[in-house]
Amino acid sequence: MLYPLLKSAHLLFVMAWVAAVFYLPRLMINHAEAEGQSDVQARLQLMAKRLYRFGHVMFGLALLCGIGLIHFSGFGPWLHAKLGLVAVLFAYYILSYKRLKAVEKGRPLPSALTLRILNEVPVFLLFAVIFLVIAKPF
């Protein structure tokens, strides 16, 4: 009974974290498109800070549940690859927030088009993670 509960909680927390991973770069796009609207940009910065904290909590909870799942199911080679991709996603998440923090210090964001392209990176990484979890190819 504990395994299905852990797996369900892990999936829930992963979904919440991935929502933050997808939305944080979107806030950057909105920030770049709101050039000259300091009130809008300030609100977007505040939203980004709150979302970043929320995402970290969700990641931590997903990690704890994931560790519990490893206890039940072991640590196969596919899991090494999955965790490597999750680490890349986590780094992407952190770098997205650091880019927004740099704006507070006066550094410019890349163009909205560049940010839109970068916004697609986590989709491909997440697809690979999902494939590894479902197929367990090795």
C-alpha atoms as a PDB file:
ATOM      1  CA  MET A   1       0.000   0.000   0.000  1.00  0.00           C
ATOM      2  CA  LEU A   2       2.901   2.381   0.651  1.00  0.00           C
ATOM      3  CA  TYR A   3       4.344   1.994  -2.859  1.00  0.00           C
ATOM      4  CA  PRO A   4       1.221   3.246  -4.716  1.00  0.00           C
ATOM      5  CA  LEU A   5       0.927   6.159  -2.272  1.00  0.00           C
ATOM      6  CA  LEU A   6       4.571   7.125  -2.804  1.00  0.00           C
ATOM      7  CA  LYS A   7       4.255   6.790  -6.555  1.00  0.00           C
ATOM      8  CA  SER A   8       1.083   8.916  -6.614  1.00  0.00           C
ATOM      9  CA  ALA A   9       2.658  11.603  -4.432  1.00  0.00           C
ATOM     10  CA  HIS A  10       5.831  11.553  -6.537  1.00  0.00           C
ATOM     11  CA  LEU A  11       3.811  12.037  -9.717  1.00  0.00           C
ATOM     12  CA  LEU A  12       1.787  14.867  -8.182  1.00  0.00           C
ATOM     13  CA  PHE A  13       4.869  16.738  -6.955  1.00  0.00           C
ATOM     14  CA  VAL A  14       6.690  16.183 -10.254  1.00  0.00           C
ATOM     15  CA  MET A  15       3.710  17.577 -12.150  1.00  0.00           C
ATOM     16  CA  ALA A  16       3.628  20.656  -9.917  1.00  0.00           C
ATOM     17  CA  TRP A  17       7.380  21.186 -10.313  1.00  0.00           C
ATOM     18  CA  VAL A  18       7.233  20.766 -14.095  1.00  0.00           C
ATOM     19  CA  ALA A  19       4.450  23.356 -14.227  1.00  0.00           C
ATOM     20  CA  ALA A  20       6.856  25.766 -12.523  1.00  0.00           C
ATOM     21  CA  VAL A  21       9.653  24.755 -14.930  1.00  0.00           C
ATOM     22  CA  PHE A  22       7.375  25.584 -17.869  1.00  0.00           C
ATOM     23  CA  TYR A  23       5.912  28.790 -16.427  1.00  0.00           C
ATOM     24  CA  LEU A  24       9.049  30.506 -15.124  1.00  0.00           C
ATOM     25  CA  PRO A  25      10.484  31.064 -18.629  1.00  0.00           C
ATOM     26  CA  ARG A  26       7.052  32.267 -19.726  1.00  0.00           C
ATOM     27  CA  LEU A  27       7.278  34.967 -17.076  1.00  0.00           C
ATOM     28  CA  MET A  28      10.599  36.007 -18.651  1.00  0.00           C
ATOM     29  CA  ILE A  29       8.922  36.327 -22.043  1.00  0.00           C
ATOM     30  CA  ASN A  30       6.188  38.469 -20.502  1.00  0.00           C
ATOM     31  CA  HIS A  31       8.858  40.551 -18.763  1.00  0.00           C
ATOM     32  CA  ALA A  32      10.729  41.118 -22.029  1.00  0.00           C
ATOM     33  CA  GLU A  33       7.515  42.093 -23.803  1.00  0.00           C
ATOM     34  CA  ALA A  34       6.564  44.547 -21.028  1.00  0.00           C
ATOM     35  CA  GLU A  35       9.568  46.782 -21.682  1.00  0.00           C
ATOM     36  CA  GLY A  36       8.928  50.269 -20.335  1.00  0.00           C
ATOM     37  CA  GLN A  37       6.117  49.101 -18.030  1.00  0.00           C
ATOM     38  CA  SER A  38       7.905  49.050 -14.708  1.00  0.00           C
ATOM     39  CA  ASP A  39       4.780  48.207 -12.694  1.00  0.00           C
ATOM     40  CA  VAL A  40       4.075  45.138 -14.838  1.00  0.00           C
ATOM     41  CA  GLN A  41       7.714  44.078 -14.710  1.00  0.00           C
ATOM     42  CA  ALA A  42       7.793  44.431 -10.917  1.00  0.00           C
ATOM     43  CA  ARG A  43       4.684  42.248 -10.627  1.00  0.00           C
ATOM     44  CA  LEU A  44       6.253  39.648 -12.924  1.00  0.00           C
ATOM     45  CA  GLN A  45       9.421  39.646 -10.782  1.00  0.00           C
ATOM     46  CA  LEU A  46       7.335  39.035  -7.667  1.00  0.00           C
ATOM     47  CA  MET A  47       5.432  36.231  -9.391  1.00  0.00           C
ATOM     48  CA  ALA A  48       8.736  34.676 -10.476  1.00  0.00           C
ATOM     49  CA  LYS A  49      10.118  34.743  -6.921  1.00  0.00           C
ATOM     50  CA  ARG A  50       7.016  33.059  -5.541  1.00  0.00           C
ATOM     51  CA  LEU A  51       6.904  30.508  -8.335  1.00  0.00           C
ATOM     52  CA  TYR A  52      10.593  29.723  -7.876  1.00  0.00           C
ATOM     53  CA  ARG A  53      10.120  29.026  -4.156  1.00  0.00           C
ATOM     54  CA  PHE A  54       7.029  26.915  -4.880  1.00  0.00           C
ATOM     55  CA  GLY A  55       8.952  24.950  -7.500  1.00  0.00           C
ATOM     56  CA  HIS A  56      11.795  24.251  -5.096  1.00  0.00           C
ATOM     57  CA  VAL A  57       9.383  22.904  -2.489  1.00  0.00           C
ATOM     58  CA  MET A  58       7.679  20.694  -5.082  1.00  0.00           C
ATOM     59  CA  PHE A  59      11.059  19.460  -6.347  1.00  0.00           C
ATOM     60  CA  GLY A  60      12.137  18.611  -2.821  1.00  0.00           C
ATOM     61  CA  LEU A  61       8.946  16.687  -2.110  1.00  0.00           C
ATOM     62  CA  ALA A  62       9.213  14.856  -5.447  1.00  0.00           C
ATOM     63  CA  LEU A  63      12.807  13.970  -4.606  1.00  0.00           C
ATOM     64  CA  LEU A  64      11.868  12.591  -1.197  1.00  0.00           C
ATOM     65  CA  CYS A  65       9.128  10.449  -2.703  1.00  0.00           C
ATOM     66  CA  GLY A  66      11.500   9.363  -5.473  1.00  0.00           C
ATOM     67  CA  ILE A  67      14.040   8.197  -2.916  1.00  0.00           C
ATOM     68  CA  GLY A  68      11.286   6.147  -1.297  1.00  0.00           C
ATOM     69  CA  LEU A  69      10.405   4.639  -4.681  1.00  0.00           C
ATOM     70  CA  ILE A  70      14.029   3.654  -5.257  1.00  0.00           C
ATOM     71  CA  HIS A  71      13.866   1.746  -1.978  1.00  0.00           C
ATOM     72  CA  PHE A  72      11.042  -0.373  -3.412  1.00  0.00           C
ATOM     73  CA  SER A  73      12.078  -0.745  -7.044  1.00  0.00           C
ATOM     74  CA  GLY A  74      15.857  -0.492  -7.138  1.00  0.00           C
ATOM     75  CA  PHE A  75      18.252   1.677  -9.092  1.00  0.00           C
ATOM     76  CA  GLY A  76      18.408   0.439 -12.713  1.00  0.00           C
ATOM     77  CA  PRO A  77      20.483   1.948 -15.545  1.00  0.00           C
ATOM     78  CA  TRP A  78      17.462   3.737 -17.018  1.00  0.00           C
ATOM     79  CA  LEU A  79      17.078   5.560 -13.702  1.00  0.00           C
ATOM     80  CA  HIS A  80      20.615   6.928 -13.976  1.00  0.00           C
ATOM     81  CA  ALA A  81      19.703   8.439 -17.347  1.00  0.00           C
ATOM     82  CA  LYS A  82      16.400   9.779 -15.987  1.00  0.00           C
ATOM     83  CA  LEU A  83      18.078  11.414 -13.003  1.00  0.00           C
ATOM     84  CA  GLY A  84      20.692  12.950 -15.293  1.00  0.00           C
ATOM     85  CA  LEU A  85      17.964  14.546 -17.406  1.00  0.00           C
ATOM     86  CA  VAL A  86      16.122  15.699 -14.284  1.00  0.00           C
ATOM     87  CA  ALA A  87      19.367  17.339 -13.116  1.00  0.00           C
ATOM     88  CA  VAL A  88      19.569  19.170 -16.467  1.00  0.00           C
ATOM     89  CA  LEU A  89      15.932  20.292 -16.054  1.00  0.00           C
ATOM     90  CA  PHE A  90      16.671  21.480 -12.534  1.00  0.00           C
ATOM     91  CA  ALA A  91      19.715  23.433 -13.759  1.00  0.00           C
ATOM     92  CA  TYR A  92      17.559  24.972 -16.499  1.00  0.00           C
ATOM     93  CA  TYR A  93      15.034  25.992 -13.846  1.00  0.00           C
ATOM     94  CA  ILE A  94      17.697  27.615 -11.677  1.00  0.00           C
ATOM     95  CA  LEU A  95      19.316  29.403 -14.638  1.00  0.00           C
ATOM     96  CA  SER A  96      15.924  30.736 -15.739  1.00  0.00           C
ATOM     97  CA  TYR A  97      15.451  32.334 -12.341  1.00  0.00           C
ATOM     98  CA  LYS A  98      19.021  33.657 -12.264  1.00  0.00           C
ATOM     99  CA  ARG A  99      18.371  35.320 -15.616  1.00  0.00           C
ATOM    100  CA  LEU A 100      15.333  37.065 -14.136  1.00  0.00           C
ATOM    101  CA  LYS A 101      17.343  38.082 -11.055  1.00  0.00           C
ATOM    102  CA  ALA A 102      19.990  39.593 -13.346  1.00  0.00           C
ATOM    103  CA  VAL A 103      17.312  41.902 -14.753  1.00  0.00           C
ATOM    104  CA  GLU A 104      16.937  43.417 -11.282  1.00  0.00           C
ATOM    105  CA  LYS A 105      20.628  44.338 -11.499  1.00  0.00           C
ATOM    106  CA  GLY A 106      20.137  46.075 -14.818  1.00  0.00           C
ATOM    107  CA  ARG A 107      21.160  43.310 -17.196  1.00  0.00           C
ATOM    108  CA  PRO A 108      18.909  42.921 -20.242  1.00  0.00           C
ATOM    109  CA  LEU A 109      16.980  39.795 -21.109  1.00  0.00           C
ATOM    110  CA  PRO A 110      17.465  38.154 -24.499  1.00  0.00           C
ATOM    111  CA  SER A 111      14.854  38.979 -27.123  1.00  0.00           C
ATOM    112  CA  ALA A 112      11.343  37.608 -26.719  1.00  0.00           C
ATOM    113  CA  LEU A 113      11.954  35.328 -29.724  1.00  0.00           C
ATOM    114  CA  THR A 114      15.105  33.862 -28.159  1.00  0.00           C
ATOM    115  CA  LEU A 115      13.240  33.345 -24.905  1.00  0.00           C
ATOM    116  CA  ARG A 116      10.397  31.607 -26.751  1.00  0.00           C
ATOM    117  CA  ILE A 117      12.869  29.203 -28.354  1.00  0.00           C
ATOM    118  CA  LEU A 118      14.549  28.530 -24.990  1.00  0.00           C
ATOM    119  CA  ASN A 119      11.098  27.976 -23.507  1.00  0.00           C
ATOM    120  CA  GLU A 120      10.759  24.812 -25.624  1.00  0.00           C
ATOM    121  CA  VAL A 121      13.895  23.116 -24.224  1.00  0.00           C
ATOM    122  CA  PRO A 122      12.192  21.599 -21.153  1.00  0.00           C
ATOM    123  CA  VAL A 123       9.475  20.033 -23.326  1.00  0.00           C
ATOM    124  CA  PHE A 124      12.032  17.847 -25.100  1.00  0.00           C
ATOM    125  CA  LEU A 125      13.843  17.021 -21.888  1.00  0.00           C
ATOM    126  CA  LEU A 126      10.593  16.048 -20.195  1.00  0.00           C
ATOM    127  CA  PHE A 127       9.643  13.866 -23.160  1.00  0.00           C
ATOM    128  CA  ALA A 128      12.926  11.990 -22.757  1.00  0.00           C
ATOM    129  CA  VAL A 129      12.331  11.571 -19.009  1.00  0.00           C
ATOM    130  CA  ILE A 130       8.823  10.230 -19.597  1.00  0.00           C
ATOM    131  CA  PHE A 131      10.101   7.842 -22.272  1.00  0.00           C
ATOM    132  CA  LEU A 132      12.758   6.495 -19.921  1.00  0.00           C
ATOM    133  CA  VAL A 133      10.222   5.950 -17.138  1.00  0.00           C
ATOM    134  CA  ILE A 134       7.717   4.167 -19.382  1.00  0.00           C
ATOM    135  CA  ALA A 135      10.026   2.184 -21.674  1.00  0.00           C
ATOM    136  CA  LYS A 136      12.932   1.483 -19.287  1.00  0.00           C
ATOM    137  CA  PRO A 137      15.014   0.824 -22.425  1.00  0.00           C
ATOM    138  CA  PHE A 138      18.091  -0.383 -20.530  1.00  0.00           C
END
